[in-house]
Amino acid sequence: MTVFRRLPAYSGPSRANGKTESECLMFALIAALVFIGSFLLAAGTIIGMFLAYHDKMVAALTFEPIPQEVPVYRLRISRRRVAPATRQAAPGFLAALAA
């Protein structure tokens, strides 16, 4: 014959940290509810974003850009020739002495 024990509403401190069994169970319950709630909020946000932006995601994935011609650059390099000098250049040392 199995005997079921009835838990009292309040039990004295039974752990080394001074917490009662009911306090530990209440903390675990609240922690589990916060974890599940945050997980459901995150999953709902992700699903909502997929539903809101489904059309834009499909359009972006099936987009084919319009082909463009490759630009051709035509370069013309021209170098002007220097006209020959009409006067005779003085040597640098004599010009420095004259100054």
Protein backbone atom coordinates (compact mmCIF):
# COMPACT_ATOMS: atom_id res chain seq x y z
CA MET A 1 0.00 0.00 0.00
CA THR A 2 1.37 3.38 -1.03
CA VAL A 3 1.10 6.25 1.36
CA PHE A 4 0.97 9.76 -0.14
CA ARG A 5 2.39 12.48 1.99
CA ARG A 6 0.62 15.82 2.16
CA LEU A 7 3.02 18.79 1.95
CA PRO A 8 2.34 21.45 4.57
CA ALA A 9 1.69 25.01 3.41
CA TYR A 10 4.80 26.19 5.20
CA SER A 11 7.82 24.20 6.10
CA GLY A 12 10.78 25.28 8.17
CA PRO A 13 14.19 25.99 6.62
CA SER A 14 15.49 22.67 5.39
CA ARG A 15 18.48 23.71 3.29
CA ALA A 16 21.91 25.02 4.14
CA ASN A 17 21.09 28.46 2.68
CA GLY A 18 18.04 28.86 4.91
CA LYS A 19 15.47 28.61 2.10
CA THR A 20 12.41 26.47 2.51
CA GLU A 21 11.35 23.84 0.02
CA SER A 22 8.32 25.91 -1.03
CA GLU A 23 10.52 28.98 -1.66
CA CYS A 24 12.83 26.93 -3.90
CA LEU A 25 9.87 25.51 -5.82
CA MET A 26 8.32 28.97 -6.23
CA PHE A 27 11.62 30.37 -7.54
CA ALA A 28 11.94 27.49 -10.01
CA LEU A 29 8.36 28.00 -11.18
CA ILE A 30 8.83 31.74 -11.74
CA ALA A 31 12.18 31.17 -13.50
CA ALA A 32 10.56 28.60 -15.80
CA LEU A 33 7.68 30.95 -16.61
CA VAL A 34 10.06 33.83 -17.40
CA PHE A 35 12.17 31.57 -19.63
CA ILE A 36 9.16 30.18 -21.50
CA GLY A 37 7.65 33.66 -21.85
CA SER A 38 10.84 35.13 -23.29
CA PHE A 39 11.22 32.20 -25.67
CA LEU A 40 7.65 32.62 -26.91
CA LEU A 41 8.15 36.37 -27.31
CA ALA A 42 11.30 35.82 -29.40
CA ALA A 43 9.64 33.13 -31.53
CA GLY A 44 6.59 35.34 -32.05
CA THR A 45 8.79 38.26 -33.11
CA ILE A 46 10.65 36.12 -35.65
CA ILE A 47 7.43 34.68 -37.07
CA GLY A 48 5.87 38.15 -37.20
CA MET A 49 8.84 39.52 -39.12
CA PHE A 50 8.65 36.65 -41.61
CA LEU A 51 4.95 37.30 -42.14
CA ALA A 52 5.41 41.07 -42.46
CA TYR A 53 8.35 40.94 -44.88
CA HIS A 54 7.59 37.75 -46.78
CA ASP A 55 6.86 39.55 -50.06
CA LYS A 56 10.02 41.64 -49.85
CA MET A 57 12.19 38.60 -49.10
CA VAL A 58 10.76 36.69 -52.06
CA ALA A 59 11.26 39.71 -54.32
CA ALA A 60 14.86 40.13 -53.18
CA LEU A 61 15.66 36.43 -53.70
CA THR A 62 14.11 36.29 -57.20
CA PHE A 63 15.51 39.63 -58.37
CA GLU A 64 17.47 39.52 -61.61
CA PRO A 65 19.42 42.69 -62.31
CA ILE A 66 19.14 44.34 -65.71
CA PRO A 67 22.31 43.54 -67.67
CA GLN A 68 24.32 46.62 -68.54
CA GLU A 69 26.95 47.11 -71.18
CA VAL A 70 30.47 47.28 -69.94
CA PRO A 71 31.69 50.87 -70.28
CA VAL A 72 34.44 51.34 -72.83
CA TYR A 73 36.91 54.08 -72.10
CA ARG A 74 38.68 55.72 -75.02
CA LEU A 75 41.85 57.41 -73.90
CA ARG A 76 43.73 59.82 -76.08
CA ILE A 77 47.17 60.68 -74.87
CA SER A 78 48.65 63.79 -76.40
CA ARG A 79 51.94 65.30 -75.42
CA ARG A 80 52.76 68.75 -76.63
CA ARG A 81 56.26 69.25 -77.96
CA VAL A 82 58.35 72.07 -76.57
CA ALA A 83 59.34 74.72 -79.11
CA PRO A 84 63.12 75.14 -79.42
CA ALA A 85 64.56 78.12 -77.55
CA THR A 86 65.56 81.19 -79.63
CA ARG A 87 68.25 82.50 -77.26
CA GLN A 88 71.41 80.92 -76.00
CA ALA A 89 71.37 79.76 -72.38
CA ALA A 90 74.15 81.13 -70.16
CA PRO A 91 76.14 78.68 -68.08
CA GLY A 92 74.88 78.45 -64.50
CA PHE A 93 78.19 79.36 -62.78
CA LEU A 94 78.74 82.55 -64.82
CA ALA A 95 75.11 83.65 -64.31
CA ALA A 96 75.55 83.22 -60.52
CA LEU A 97 78.71 85.35 -60.53
CA ALA A 98 77.05 88.07 -62.59
CA ALA A 99 74.24 88.42 -60.11
